[in-house]
N, C-alpha and C. Protein backbone atom coordinates (compact mmCIF):
# COMPACT_ATOMS: atom_id res chain seq x y z
N MET A 1 -93.07 -17.13 -1.58
CA MET A 1 -94.03 -17.06 -0.57
C MET A 1 -93.52 -16.87 0.91
N PRO A 2 -94.04 -15.73 1.64
CA PRO A 2 -93.35 -15.62 2.96
C PRO A 2 -93.82 -16.92 3.77
N ASP A 3 -92.77 -17.11 4.64
CA ASP A 3 -93.33 -18.23 5.59
C ASP A 3 -94.27 -17.93 6.61
N THR A 4 -95.01 -18.98 7.20
CA THR A 4 -96.25 -18.71 7.93
C THR A 4 -95.52 -18.07 9.45
N VAL A 5 -96.11 -17.28 9.99
CA VAL A 5 -95.88 -16.82 11.19
C VAL A 5 -96.60 -17.23 12.42
N PRO A 6 -95.96 -18.22 13.34
CA PRO A 6 -96.62 -18.82 14.32
C PRO A 6 -97.38 -17.77 14.96
N PRO A 7 -98.53 -17.97 15.59
CA PRO A 7 -99.40 -17.16 16.17
C PRO A 7 -98.71 -16.56 17.44
N TRP A 8 -98.01 -17.34 18.21
CA TRP A 8 -97.26 -16.95 19.43
C TRP A 8 -96.29 -15.91 19.05
N LEU A 9 -95.63 -16.00 18.05
CA LEU A 9 -94.70 -14.97 17.54
C LEU A 9 -95.37 -13.66 17.14
N ALA A 10 -96.44 -13.85 16.27
CA ALA A 10 -97.21 -12.75 15.70
C ALA A 10 -97.69 -11.97 17.08
N GLY A 11 -98.13 -12.72 18.22
CA GLY A 11 -98.60 -11.81 19.34
C GLY A 11 -97.47 -11.16 20.08
N ALA A 12 -96.00 -11.54 20.08
CA ALA A 12 -95.16 -11.07 20.67
C ALA A 12 -94.21 -9.87 19.92
N LEU A 13 -94.72 -9.87 18.52
CA LEU A 13 -93.97 -8.77 17.92
C LEU A 13 -94.76 -7.53 17.67
N LYS A 14 -94.08 -6.35 17.68
CA LYS A 14 -94.81 -4.96 17.61
C LYS A 14 -94.81 -5.03 16.05
N GLY A 15 -95.77 -5.07 15.54
CA GLY A 15 -95.99 -4.98 14.04
C GLY A 15 -95.91 -6.05 13.23
N SER A 16 -96.11 -6.20 12.01
CA SER A 16 -95.97 -7.57 11.35
C SER A 16 -95.37 -7.14 9.85
N GLY A 17 -94.90 -8.19 9.22
CA GLY A 17 -94.53 -8.12 7.90
C GLY A 17 -94.19 -9.30 7.41
N PRO A 18 -93.92 -9.47 6.12
CA PRO A 18 -93.58 -10.82 5.41
C PRO A 18 -92.28 -11.51 5.80
N GLY A 19 -91.63 -10.76 6.41
CA GLY A 19 -90.14 -11.62 6.72
C GLY A 19 -90.43 -12.32 8.33
N ASP A 20 -91.54 -11.93 8.87
CA ASP A 20 -91.46 -12.45 10.12
C ASP A 20 -91.22 -13.87 10.54
N GLY A 21 -91.95 -14.75 9.58
CA GLY A 21 -91.73 -16.13 9.51
C GLY A 21 -90.34 -16.58 9.52
N ARG A 22 -89.51 -15.96 8.85
CA ARG A 22 -88.11 -16.10 8.75
C ARG A 22 -87.06 -15.76 9.84
N LEU A 23 -87.79 -14.96 10.92
CA LEU A 23 -86.75 -14.70 11.93
C LEU A 23 -86.24 -15.71 12.56
N LEU A 24 -85.11 -15.78 13.09
CA LEU A 24 -84.50 -16.93 13.67
C LEU A 24 -85.61 -17.53 14.80
N LEU A 25 -86.05 -16.46 15.48
CA LEU A 25 -87.03 -17.03 16.59
C LEU A 25 -88.03 -17.86 16.06
N ALA A 26 -88.67 -17.54 14.94
CA ALA A 26 -89.72 -18.25 14.45
C ALA A 26 -89.23 -19.95 14.12
N ARG A 27 -87.87 -20.01 13.86
CA ARG A 27 -87.28 -21.36 13.29
C ARG A 27 -86.81 -22.09 14.65
N LEU A 28 -86.22 -21.27 15.59
CA LEU A 28 -85.87 -22.08 16.76
C LEU A 28 -86.68 -22.04 18.28
N GLY A 29 -87.45 -21.07 18.09
CA GLY A 29 -88.30 -20.83 19.32
C GLY A 29 -89.72 -21.53 19.21
N ASP A 30 -90.37 -21.39 20.31
CA ASP A 30 -91.81 -21.79 20.46
C ASP A 30 -92.49 -21.00 21.61
N GLU A 31 -93.75 -21.32 21.68
CA GLU A 31 -94.72 -20.67 22.46
C GLU A 31 -94.09 -20.88 24.18
N ARG A 32 -93.80 -22.15 24.44
CA ARG A 32 -93.40 -22.69 25.62
C ARG A 32 -92.16 -21.78 26.02
N ALA A 33 -91.09 -21.59 25.20
CA ALA A 33 -89.87 -21.00 25.60
C ALA A 33 -90.07 -19.40 25.57
N LEU A 34 -90.96 -18.84 24.89
CA LEU A 34 -91.07 -17.29 24.97
C LEU A 34 -91.48 -16.83 26.39
N GLY A 35 -90.43 -15.88 26.79
CA GLY A 35 -90.60 -15.44 28.06
C GLY A 35 -90.72 -16.49 29.31
N ARG A 36 -90.15 -17.57 29.27
CA ARG A 36 -90.27 -18.66 30.22
C ARG A 36 -89.66 -18.20 31.40
N GLY A 37 -90.21 -18.31 32.49
CA GLY A 37 -89.64 -18.00 33.93
C GLY A 37 -89.43 -16.53 33.92
N GLY A 38 -90.01 -15.79 33.12
CA GLY A 38 -90.18 -14.17 33.29
C GLY A 38 -88.82 -13.76 32.65
N PHE A 39 -88.39 -14.62 31.65
CA PHE A 39 -87.20 -14.09 30.97
C PHE A 39 -87.55 -12.94 29.95
N ALA A 40 -86.90 -12.01 30.09
CA ALA A 40 -87.12 -10.60 29.40
C ALA A 40 -86.14 -9.92 28.84
N LEU A 41 -86.11 -9.24 27.73
CA LEU A 41 -85.30 -8.28 26.93
C LEU A 41 -85.58 -6.91 27.18
N SER A 42 -84.86 -5.81 27.40
CA SER A 42 -85.23 -4.40 27.25
C SER A 42 -84.01 -3.61 26.90
N SER A 43 -84.51 -2.38 26.84
CA SER A 43 -83.48 -1.35 26.56
C SER A 43 -83.70 -0.13 27.18
N PRO A 44 -82.71 0.60 27.79
CA PRO A 44 -83.06 1.69 28.42
C PRO A 44 -83.15 3.22 27.41
N ALA A 45 -82.75 2.58 26.22
CA ALA A 45 -82.82 3.62 24.97
C ALA A 45 -83.99 3.62 24.25
N PHE A 46 -84.92 2.75 24.24
CA PHE A 46 -86.07 2.68 23.58
C PHE A 46 -86.94 1.55 24.15
N ALA A 47 -88.34 1.93 23.89
CA ALA A 47 -89.39 1.11 24.41
C ALA A 47 -89.60 -0.27 23.28
N ASP A 48 -90.12 -1.05 23.82
CA ASP A 48 -90.45 -2.22 22.70
C ASP A 48 -91.52 -1.73 21.66
N GLY A 49 -91.15 -1.88 20.51
CA GLY A 49 -91.90 -1.23 19.45
C GLY A 49 -91.67 0.26 19.14
N GLY A 50 -90.73 0.77 19.98
CA GLY A 50 -90.42 2.12 19.83
C GLY A 50 -89.33 2.71 18.93
N ASP A 51 -89.02 3.89 18.55
CA ASP A 51 -88.04 4.23 17.65
C ASP A 51 -86.60 4.31 18.11
N LEU A 52 -85.67 3.67 17.33
CA LEU A 52 -84.20 3.75 17.56
C LEU A 52 -83.83 5.22 17.33
N ASP A 53 -82.92 5.67 18.23
CA ASP A 53 -82.40 6.91 18.23
C ASP A 53 -81.43 6.87 16.97
N PRO A 54 -81.18 7.98 16.17
CA PRO A 54 -80.27 7.93 14.99
C PRO A 54 -78.68 7.61 15.43
N CYS A 55 -78.48 7.86 16.79
CA CYS A 55 -77.12 7.47 17.12
C CYS A 55 -76.77 6.09 17.13
N PHE A 56 -77.86 5.35 16.72
CA PHE A 56 -77.44 3.78 16.69
C PHE A 56 -77.65 3.36 15.37
N THR A 57 -77.67 4.31 14.28
CA THR A 57 -77.99 3.97 12.94
C THR A 57 -77.03 4.55 12.17
N ALA A 58 -76.76 4.51 10.78
CA ALA A 58 -76.08 4.84 9.67
C ALA A 58 -76.00 6.22 9.52
N ASP A 59 -77.12 6.83 10.20
CA ASP A 59 -77.39 8.29 9.93
C ASP A 59 -76.53 9.30 10.75
N GLU A 60 -75.86 8.63 11.78
CA GLU A 60 -75.07 9.58 12.58
C GLU A 60 -73.55 9.01 12.49
N GLU A 61 -72.68 9.94 12.61
CA GLU A 61 -71.28 9.39 12.85
C GLU A 61 -70.87 8.96 14.14
N ASP A 62 -70.00 8.01 14.12
CA ASP A 62 -69.71 7.46 15.56
C ASP A 62 -70.89 6.58 16.26
N ALA A 63 -71.77 6.10 15.36
CA ALA A 63 -72.96 5.33 15.94
C ALA A 63 -72.43 4.03 16.53
N VAL A 64 -73.14 3.71 17.40
CA VAL A 64 -72.90 2.48 18.15
C VAL A 64 -74.10 1.69 18.22
N ALA A 65 -73.92 0.40 18.79
CA ALA A 65 -75.22 -0.52 19.24
C ALA A 65 -75.80 0.07 20.40
N PRO A 66 -77.21 -0.24 20.66
CA PRO A 66 -77.87 0.35 21.69
C PRO A 66 -77.60 -0.54 22.94
N PRO A 67 -77.85 0.03 24.23
CA PRO A 67 -77.62 -0.77 25.11
C PRO A 67 -78.91 -1.62 25.58
N LEU A 68 -78.63 -2.69 26.06
CA LEU A 68 -79.56 -3.86 26.40
C LEU A 68 -79.62 -4.33 27.81
N GLU A 69 -80.50 -4.83 28.43
CA GLU A 69 -80.81 -5.54 29.67
C GLU A 69 -81.65 -6.63 29.66
N TRP A 70 -81.26 -7.61 30.23
CA TRP A 70 -82.14 -8.86 30.29
C TRP A 70 -82.21 -9.50 32.01
N THR A 71 -83.30 -9.97 32.19
CA THR A 71 -83.51 -10.64 33.36
C THR A 71 -83.04 -12.07 33.31
N ALA A 72 -82.95 -12.78 34.49
CA ALA A 72 -82.14 -14.05 34.55
C ALA A 72 -82.99 -15.02 33.81
N PRO A 73 -82.47 -15.99 33.03
CA PRO A 73 -83.20 -16.94 32.37
C PRO A 73 -83.63 -18.27 33.41
N PRO A 74 -84.48 -18.97 32.88
CA PRO A 74 -84.74 -20.14 33.86
C PRO A 74 -83.58 -21.12 34.20
N PRO A 75 -83.56 -21.78 35.45
CA PRO A 75 -82.35 -22.65 35.69
C PRO A 75 -81.92 -23.63 34.60
N GLY A 76 -80.87 -23.91 34.32
CA GLY A 76 -80.31 -24.89 33.51
C GLY A 76 -79.73 -24.27 32.03
N ALA A 77 -80.09 -22.65 32.08
CA ALA A 77 -79.48 -21.95 31.00
C ALA A 77 -77.94 -21.93 31.38
N MET A 78 -77.25 -22.07 30.36
CA MET A 78 -75.73 -21.93 30.45
C MET A 78 -74.97 -21.06 29.49
N GLU A 79 -75.72 -20.33 28.64
CA GLU A 79 -75.15 -19.19 27.71
C GLU A 79 -76.36 -18.60 27.04
N LEU A 80 -76.23 -17.43 26.64
CA LEU A 80 -77.10 -16.75 26.16
C LEU A 80 -76.70 -16.20 24.65
N VAL A 81 -77.68 -16.19 23.71
CA VAL A 81 -77.27 -15.68 22.17
C VAL A 81 -78.26 -14.52 21.92
N LEU A 82 -77.64 -13.52 21.25
CA LEU A 82 -78.37 -12.50 20.94
C LEU A 82 -78.48 -12.34 19.38
N VAL A 83 -79.58 -12.12 18.65
CA VAL A 83 -79.64 -12.14 17.12
C VAL A 83 -80.53 -11.02 16.97
N VAL A 84 -80.16 -10.07 15.99
CA VAL A 84 -80.86 -8.84 15.73
C VAL A 84 -81.00 -9.10 14.10
N GLU A 85 -82.33 -9.00 13.76
CA GLU A 85 -82.55 -9.09 12.35
C GLU A 85 -83.74 -8.07 12.07
N ASP A 86 -83.47 -7.45 10.70
CA ASP A 86 -84.31 -6.57 10.14
C ASP A 86 -85.49 -7.25 9.49
N ALA A 87 -86.64 -7.43 10.08
CA ALA A 87 -87.87 -8.13 9.76
C ALA A 87 -88.37 -7.48 8.48
N ASP A 88 -88.02 -6.31 8.21
CA ASP A 88 -88.72 -5.70 6.81
C ASP A 88 -87.85 -5.48 5.75
N ALA A 89 -86.78 -6.33 5.63
CA ALA A 89 -85.72 -6.25 4.57
C ALA A 89 -86.33 -6.57 3.26
N PRO A 90 -85.86 -5.99 2.22
CA PRO A 90 -86.50 -6.26 0.84
C PRO A 90 -86.64 -7.82 0.75
N ALA A 91 -87.64 -8.45 -0.02
CA ALA A 91 -87.77 -9.68 -0.38
C ALA A 91 -88.52 -10.46 0.83
N GLY A 92 -88.82 -9.73 1.85
CA GLY A 92 -89.21 -10.49 2.99
C GLY A 92 -88.22 -11.49 3.74
N ALA A 93 -87.12 -11.29 3.29
CA ALA A 93 -85.84 -12.32 4.22
C ALA A 93 -85.22 -11.39 5.14
N PRO A 94 -85.26 -11.46 6.24
CA PRO A 94 -84.80 -10.83 7.59
C PRO A 94 -83.10 -10.61 7.04
N ALA A 95 -82.63 -9.28 7.27
CA ALA A 95 -81.25 -9.26 7.22
C ALA A 95 -80.65 -9.16 8.49
N CYS A 96 -79.50 -9.79 8.86
CA CYS A 96 -79.02 -9.97 10.11
C CYS A 96 -78.09 -8.76 10.35
N HIS A 97 -78.38 -8.10 11.49
CA HIS A 97 -77.68 -6.89 12.10
C HIS A 97 -76.54 -7.27 12.98
N TRP A 98 -76.89 -8.31 14.00
CA TRP A 98 -76.08 -8.58 14.91
C TRP A 98 -76.09 -10.07 15.23
N LEU A 99 -74.88 -10.68 15.37
CA LEU A 99 -74.78 -12.12 15.95
C LEU A 99 -74.02 -12.30 17.31
N VAL A 100 -74.44 -12.23 18.28
CA VAL A 100 -73.62 -12.21 19.62
C VAL A 100 -73.93 -13.67 20.51
N TRP A 101 -72.78 -14.08 20.92
CA TRP A 101 -72.89 -15.17 21.77
C TRP A 101 -71.83 -15.09 22.86
N GLY A 102 -71.82 -16.19 23.71
CA GLY A 102 -71.29 -15.91 24.99
C GLY A 102 -71.49 -15.15 26.15
N LEU A 103 -72.62 -14.64 26.09
CA LEU A 103 -73.31 -13.70 27.09
C LEU A 103 -73.55 -14.75 28.17
N PRO A 104 -73.33 -14.16 29.31
CA PRO A 104 -73.59 -14.96 30.63
C PRO A 104 -74.96 -15.22 30.97
N ALA A 105 -75.19 -16.46 31.52
CA ALA A 105 -76.54 -16.73 31.73
C ALA A 105 -77.18 -16.42 32.93
N GLN A 106 -77.23 -15.08 33.00
CA GLN A 106 -77.95 -14.60 34.38
C GLN A 106 -78.21 -13.00 33.99
N ARG A 107 -78.82 -12.60 34.98
CA ARG A 107 -79.12 -11.03 34.79
C ARG A 107 -78.09 -10.25 34.36
N ALA A 108 -78.08 -9.55 33.42
CA ALA A 108 -77.01 -8.81 32.91
C ALA A 108 -77.27 -7.82 31.90
N LYS A 109 -76.44 -7.02 31.36
CA LYS A 109 -76.38 -6.02 30.03
C LYS A 109 -75.40 -5.96 29.13
N LEU A 110 -75.65 -5.35 28.26
CA LEU A 110 -74.85 -4.87 27.25
C LEU A 110 -74.94 -3.33 27.26
N LEU A 111 -73.67 -2.50 27.62
CA LEU A 111 -73.77 -1.17 27.75
C LEU A 111 -73.81 -0.58 26.20
N GLU A 112 -74.07 0.63 26.22
CA GLU A 112 -74.10 1.20 24.73
C GLU A 112 -72.56 1.28 24.12
N GLY A 113 -72.56 0.55 23.06
CA GLY A 113 -71.54 0.46 22.32
C GLY A 113 -70.37 -0.40 22.62
N GLU A 114 -70.85 -1.29 23.79
CA GLU A 114 -69.92 -2.41 24.38
C GLU A 114 -69.70 -3.44 23.33
N VAL A 115 -68.56 -3.74 23.28
CA VAL A 115 -68.26 -4.99 22.34
C VAL A 115 -68.45 -6.23 23.16
N PRO A 116 -69.30 -7.15 22.56
CA PRO A 116 -69.58 -8.22 23.14
C PRO A 116 -68.54 -9.34 23.30
N PRO A 117 -68.85 -10.61 23.88
CA PRO A 117 -67.66 -11.55 23.95
C PRO A 117 -67.32 -12.07 22.55
N ARG A 118 -68.36 -12.64 22.08
CA ARG A 118 -68.16 -13.27 20.70
C ARG A 118 -69.22 -12.71 19.51
N VAL A 119 -68.71 -12.29 18.42
CA VAL A 119 -69.62 -11.66 17.56
C VAL A 119 -69.35 -12.41 16.23
N GLY A 120 -70.32 -12.76 15.36
CA GLY A 120 -70.38 -13.37 14.11
C GLY A 120 -70.61 -12.37 13.07
N LYS A 121 -70.71 -13.02 11.93
CA LYS A 121 -70.91 -12.27 10.61
C LYS A 121 -72.38 -11.77 10.54
N ASN A 122 -72.52 -10.42 10.09
CA ASN A 122 -73.78 -10.03 9.83
C ASN A 122 -74.15 -10.00 8.25
N ALA A 123 -75.20 -9.30 7.77
CA ALA A 123 -75.56 -9.37 6.43
C ALA A 123 -74.46 -8.98 5.51
N GLN A 124 -73.57 -7.96 6.00
CA GLN A 124 -72.47 -7.40 5.25
C GLN A 124 -71.33 -8.23 5.44
N ARG A 125 -71.37 -9.57 6.19
CA ARG A 125 -70.19 -10.28 6.18
C ARG A 125 -69.11 -9.68 7.36
N ASN A 126 -69.65 -8.70 8.27
CA ASN A 126 -68.71 -8.03 9.06
C ASN A 126 -69.11 -8.74 10.61
N SER A 127 -68.03 -8.51 11.57
CA SER A 127 -68.48 -9.25 12.68
C SER A 127 -68.52 -7.96 13.47
N GLU A 128 -69.63 -7.07 13.36
CA GLU A 128 -70.01 -6.07 14.28
C GLU A 128 -71.42 -5.57 14.14
N TRP A 129 -71.92 -4.67 14.92
CA TRP A 129 -73.29 -4.28 14.68
C TRP A 129 -73.59 -3.34 13.41
N LEU A 130 -74.13 -4.03 12.67
CA LEU A 130 -74.61 -3.43 11.32
C LEU A 130 -75.48 -2.43 11.54
N LEU A 131 -75.13 -1.07 11.26
CA LEU A 131 -75.89 0.22 11.51
C LEU A 131 -77.24 0.14 10.60
N PRO A 132 -78.33 0.27 11.14
CA PRO A 132 -79.62 0.28 10.32
C PRO A 132 -79.52 1.58 9.15
N GLU A 133 -79.88 1.02 7.93
CA GLU A 133 -79.71 1.99 6.99
C GLU A 133 -80.88 1.75 6.04
N PRO A 134 -82.15 1.58 6.43
CA PRO A 134 -83.12 1.31 5.46
C PRO A 134 -83.31 2.29 4.31
N PRO A 135 -83.88 2.06 3.11
CA PRO A 135 -83.99 2.88 2.10
C PRO A 135 -84.97 4.16 2.65
N ARG A 136 -84.71 5.32 2.31
CA ARG A 136 -85.35 6.40 2.69
C ARG A 136 -86.75 6.45 2.36
N GLU A 137 -87.13 5.88 1.25
CA GLU A 137 -88.59 5.86 0.68
C GLU A 137 -89.32 4.80 1.50
N ASP A 138 -88.70 3.94 2.19
CA ASP A 138 -89.53 2.87 3.01
C ASP A 138 -90.19 3.35 4.34
N ALA A 139 -91.15 2.77 4.58
CA ALA A 139 -91.78 2.91 5.86
C ALA A 139 -90.84 2.47 7.00
N ALA A 140 -91.05 2.62 8.31
CA ALA A 140 -90.02 2.39 9.24
C ALA A 140 -89.96 0.81 9.08
N HIS A 141 -88.44 0.41 9.21
CA HIS A 141 -88.38 -0.96 9.42
C HIS A 141 -88.17 -1.42 10.80
N ARG A 142 -88.51 -2.66 11.24
CA ARG A 142 -88.46 -3.32 12.46
C ARG A 142 -87.27 -4.02 12.61
N TYR A 143 -86.42 -3.75 13.64
CA TYR A 143 -85.31 -4.47 14.15
C TYR A 143 -85.48 -5.34 15.29
N VAL A 144 -85.54 -6.54 15.04
CA VAL A 144 -86.06 -7.44 16.10
C VAL A 144 -85.00 -8.15 16.85
N PHE A 145 -84.80 -7.82 18.07
CA PHE A 145 -83.76 -8.24 19.13
C PHE A 145 -84.34 -9.42 19.60
N GLN A 146 -83.56 -10.59 19.45
CA GLN A 146 -83.97 -11.89 19.83
C GLN A 146 -82.87 -12.46 20.91
N LEU A 147 -83.44 -12.80 21.96
CA LEU A 147 -82.43 -13.33 22.84
C LEU A 147 -82.83 -14.80 23.21
N PHE A 148 -82.01 -15.57 22.95
CA PHE A 148 -82.05 -17.14 23.24
C PHE A 148 -81.20 -17.69 24.54
N ALA A 149 -81.79 -18.33 25.58
CA ALA A 149 -81.06 -18.98 26.55
C ALA A 149 -80.88 -20.40 26.25
N LEU A 150 -79.65 -20.95 26.26
CA LEU A 150 -79.33 -22.55 25.83
C LEU A 150 -78.73 -23.15 27.06
N ASP A 151 -79.08 -24.54 26.78
CA ASP A 151 -78.67 -25.35 27.90
C ASP A 151 -77.22 -25.98 27.68
N LEU A 152 -76.44 -25.40 26.84
CA LEU A 152 -75.13 -25.56 26.57
C LEU A 152 -74.15 -24.50 26.16
N PRO A 153 -73.08 -24.51 26.46
CA PRO A 153 -72.08 -23.36 26.01
C PRO A 153 -71.82 -23.63 24.51
N LEU A 154 -71.70 -22.76 23.77
CA LEU A 154 -71.42 -22.95 22.40
C LEU A 154 -69.83 -23.21 22.03
N THR A 155 -69.54 -23.69 21.09
CA THR A 155 -68.13 -23.96 20.92
C THR A 155 -67.57 -23.11 19.56
N LEU A 156 -68.47 -22.30 19.12
CA LEU A 156 -68.31 -21.52 17.91
C LEU A 156 -67.13 -20.43 18.20
N MET A 157 -66.30 -20.41 17.13
CA MET A 157 -65.36 -19.30 16.99
C MET A 157 -65.77 -18.02 16.79
N PRO A 158 -65.19 -16.91 17.15
CA PRO A 158 -65.67 -15.58 16.57
C PRO A 158 -65.59 -15.31 15.05
N GLY A 159 -66.65 -14.93 14.58
CA GLY A 159 -66.70 -14.81 13.06
C GLY A 159 -67.52 -15.76 12.22
N ALA A 160 -68.29 -16.71 12.99
CA ALA A 160 -68.88 -17.62 12.63
C ALA A 160 -70.27 -16.88 11.92
N ASP A 161 -70.85 -17.65 10.93
CA ASP A 161 -72.20 -16.96 10.39
C ASP A 161 -73.54 -17.28 10.92
N GLY A 162 -74.47 -16.91 10.56
CA GLY A 162 -75.88 -17.21 10.99
C GLY A 162 -76.13 -18.74 11.10
N ASP A 163 -75.87 -19.32 10.04
CA ASP A 163 -76.13 -20.66 9.54
C ASP A 163 -75.44 -21.73 10.76
N GLU A 164 -74.34 -21.37 10.82
CA GLU A 164 -73.37 -22.12 11.80
C GLU A 164 -73.85 -21.96 13.26
N LEU A 165 -74.31 -20.76 13.44
CA LEU A 165 -74.75 -20.62 14.79
C LEU A 165 -76.28 -21.24 15.18
N ALA A 166 -77.08 -21.13 14.08
CA ALA A 166 -78.33 -21.85 14.45
C ALA A 166 -78.24 -23.25 14.24
N ALA A 167 -77.34 -23.89 13.61
CA ALA A 167 -76.95 -25.26 13.64
C ALA A 167 -76.76 -25.76 15.17
N GLN A 168 -76.01 -24.89 15.92
CA GLN A 168 -75.41 -25.36 17.16
C GLN A 168 -76.43 -25.03 18.15
N MET A 169 -77.36 -23.89 17.81
CA MET A 169 -78.59 -23.79 18.91
C MET A 169 -79.65 -24.68 18.68
N LYS A 170 -79.65 -25.36 17.67
CA LYS A 170 -81.07 -26.39 17.30
C LYS A 170 -81.20 -27.10 18.33
N ASP A 171 -82.34 -27.33 19.13
CA ASP A 171 -82.72 -28.21 20.16
C ASP A 171 -82.21 -28.15 21.50
N HIS A 172 -81.55 -26.84 21.56
CA HIS A 172 -80.84 -26.55 22.92
C HIS A 172 -81.51 -25.00 23.54
N VAL A 173 -82.48 -24.76 22.91
CA VAL A 173 -83.08 -23.30 23.22
C VAL A 173 -84.20 -23.64 24.54
N VAL A 174 -83.79 -23.16 25.66
CA VAL A 174 -84.64 -23.42 26.76
C VAL A 174 -85.82 -22.01 27.10
N ALA A 175 -85.36 -20.89 26.75
CA ALA A 175 -86.10 -19.78 26.98
C ALA A 175 -85.79 -18.68 25.68
N THR A 176 -86.72 -17.87 25.47
CA THR A 176 -86.41 -16.72 24.49
C THR A 176 -87.12 -15.39 25.01
N ALA A 177 -86.57 -14.42 24.61
CA ALA A 177 -87.19 -13.25 24.83
C ALA A 177 -87.21 -12.28 23.65
N VAL A 178 -87.94 -11.17 23.36
CA VAL A 178 -88.08 -10.53 22.07
C VAL A 178 -88.29 -8.96 22.32
N LEU A 179 -87.54 -8.21 21.59
CA LEU A 179 -87.46 -6.77 21.73
C LEU A 179 -87.46 -6.09 20.42
N THR A 180 -88.37 -4.98 19.94
CA THR A 180 -88.36 -4.62 18.77
C THR A 180 -88.24 -3.03 18.76
N GLY A 181 -87.20 -2.54 18.04
CA GLY A 181 -87.03 -1.30 17.57
C GLY A 181 -87.27 -0.89 16.29
N LYS A 182 -87.95 0.39 15.89
CA LYS A 182 -88.24 0.80 14.55
C LYS A 182 -87.32 1.90 14.09
N TYR A 183 -87.15 2.03 12.79
CA TYR A 183 -86.40 3.17 12.46
C TYR A 183 -86.76 3.44 10.96
N LYS A 184 -87.17 4.90 10.81
CA LYS A 184 -87.36 5.40 9.55
C LYS A 184 -86.33 6.56 9.31
N ARG A 185 -85.63 6.48 8.12
CA ARG A 185 -84.69 7.52 7.78
C ARG A 185 -85.56 8.64 7.22
N GLN A 186 -84.88 10.00 7.50
CA GLN A 186 -85.56 10.97 6.99
C GLN A 186 -85.24 11.42 5.48
N PRO A 187 -85.97 12.16 4.88
CA PRO A 187 -85.59 12.58 3.41
C PRO A 187 -84.30 13.53 3.59
N GLU A 188 -83.61 13.18 2.27
CA GLU A 188 -82.42 14.04 2.12
C GLU A 188 -82.74 15.53 2.19
N ASP A 189 -81.81 16.40 2.77
CA ASP A 189 -82.13 17.63 2.94
C ASP A 189 -82.17 18.40 1.42
N ALA A 190 -83.33 19.03 1.05
CA ALA A 190 -83.45 19.60 -0.15
C ALA A 190 -82.91 20.91 -0.26
N GLY A 191 -82.43 21.55 0.69
CA GLY A 191 -81.75 22.94 0.87
C GLY A 191 -80.21 22.78 0.27
N ALA A 192 -79.81 21.60 0.24
CA ALA A 192 -78.29 21.33 -0.20
C ALA A 192 -78.10 21.79 -1.70
N ASP A 193 -79.14 22.02 -2.53
CA ASP A 193 -79.03 22.33 -4.01
C ASP A 193 -79.23 23.65 -4.34
N ALA A 194 -79.34 24.70 -3.18
CA ALA A 194 -79.28 25.87 -3.50
C ALA A 194 -78.43 26.53 -3.68
N TRP A 195 -77.74 26.71 -4.94
CA TRP A 195 -76.65 27.37 -5.45
C TRP A 195 -76.65 28.85 -5.94
N ASP A 196 -78.04 29.33 -6.11
CA ASP A 196 -78.12 30.81 -6.52
C ASP A 196 -77.72 31.88 -5.55
N ASP A 197 -77.09 32.92 -6.00
CA ASP A 197 -76.82 34.04 -5.49
C ASP A 197 -77.60 35.12 -5.30
N ASP A 198 -78.99 34.90 -6.14
CA ASP A 198 -79.88 35.97 -6.40
C ASP A 198 -80.59 36.26 -5.07
C-alpha cells in the first residue's frame, strides 16, 4: 500500500502518484521546513513541473545533469544535500537518480554537467547522475529534486547509499525546497523497419 502523502507535500509537488509518500522529503521534511526563510530551488533549464530536455536523459548521447540554482537557506544551515527521485517509478517506490552532499550552505548553483563535491550511489549503484529512462509506454515520470539544509556538516564518504545518507540527516533538517521536472520518452522510430526497395 502506498505511504500516505502529507498534505503539505502534496501541495508542493506538481502532480501526484503512489510513490510520493516514500520520497525522502516525506520522510525527513515537514511543513515548517518547506521553503523556510524563502529557501527555494530552481533551474534555468526547466520550470517547476515542466519538461526535462532530452539532453539530461538517456535519450541523448553525452547527456548530463541539469543546472540548478538555490537561494540562501535560513541561518544555522551548515551544509546542503540534494536528492533526486523518480516519484513514478514502478511499484510506487521512488528510484534514486542522484545523491549529492557537501554543497555550500549559501546561495549557489550547480552548472549543467558539473561534478558535485560528494556523490552517493543511485538506484543503479553508480555514483553519478542516473539518466532518466522511463518505459516508453509510460506517461511522463516526475523527477523530484529535493534540497535539504542541515544544521551540521555530514561525515559521509563519497559512494555512500541513500540509507546511510538519510540516517545522518535525520533530525538535522532545518529547511527544504523542492523542484519537479517531467519526462516522457517518444515511441521508437517506426521507419527503421523499412527494408523494401520497391
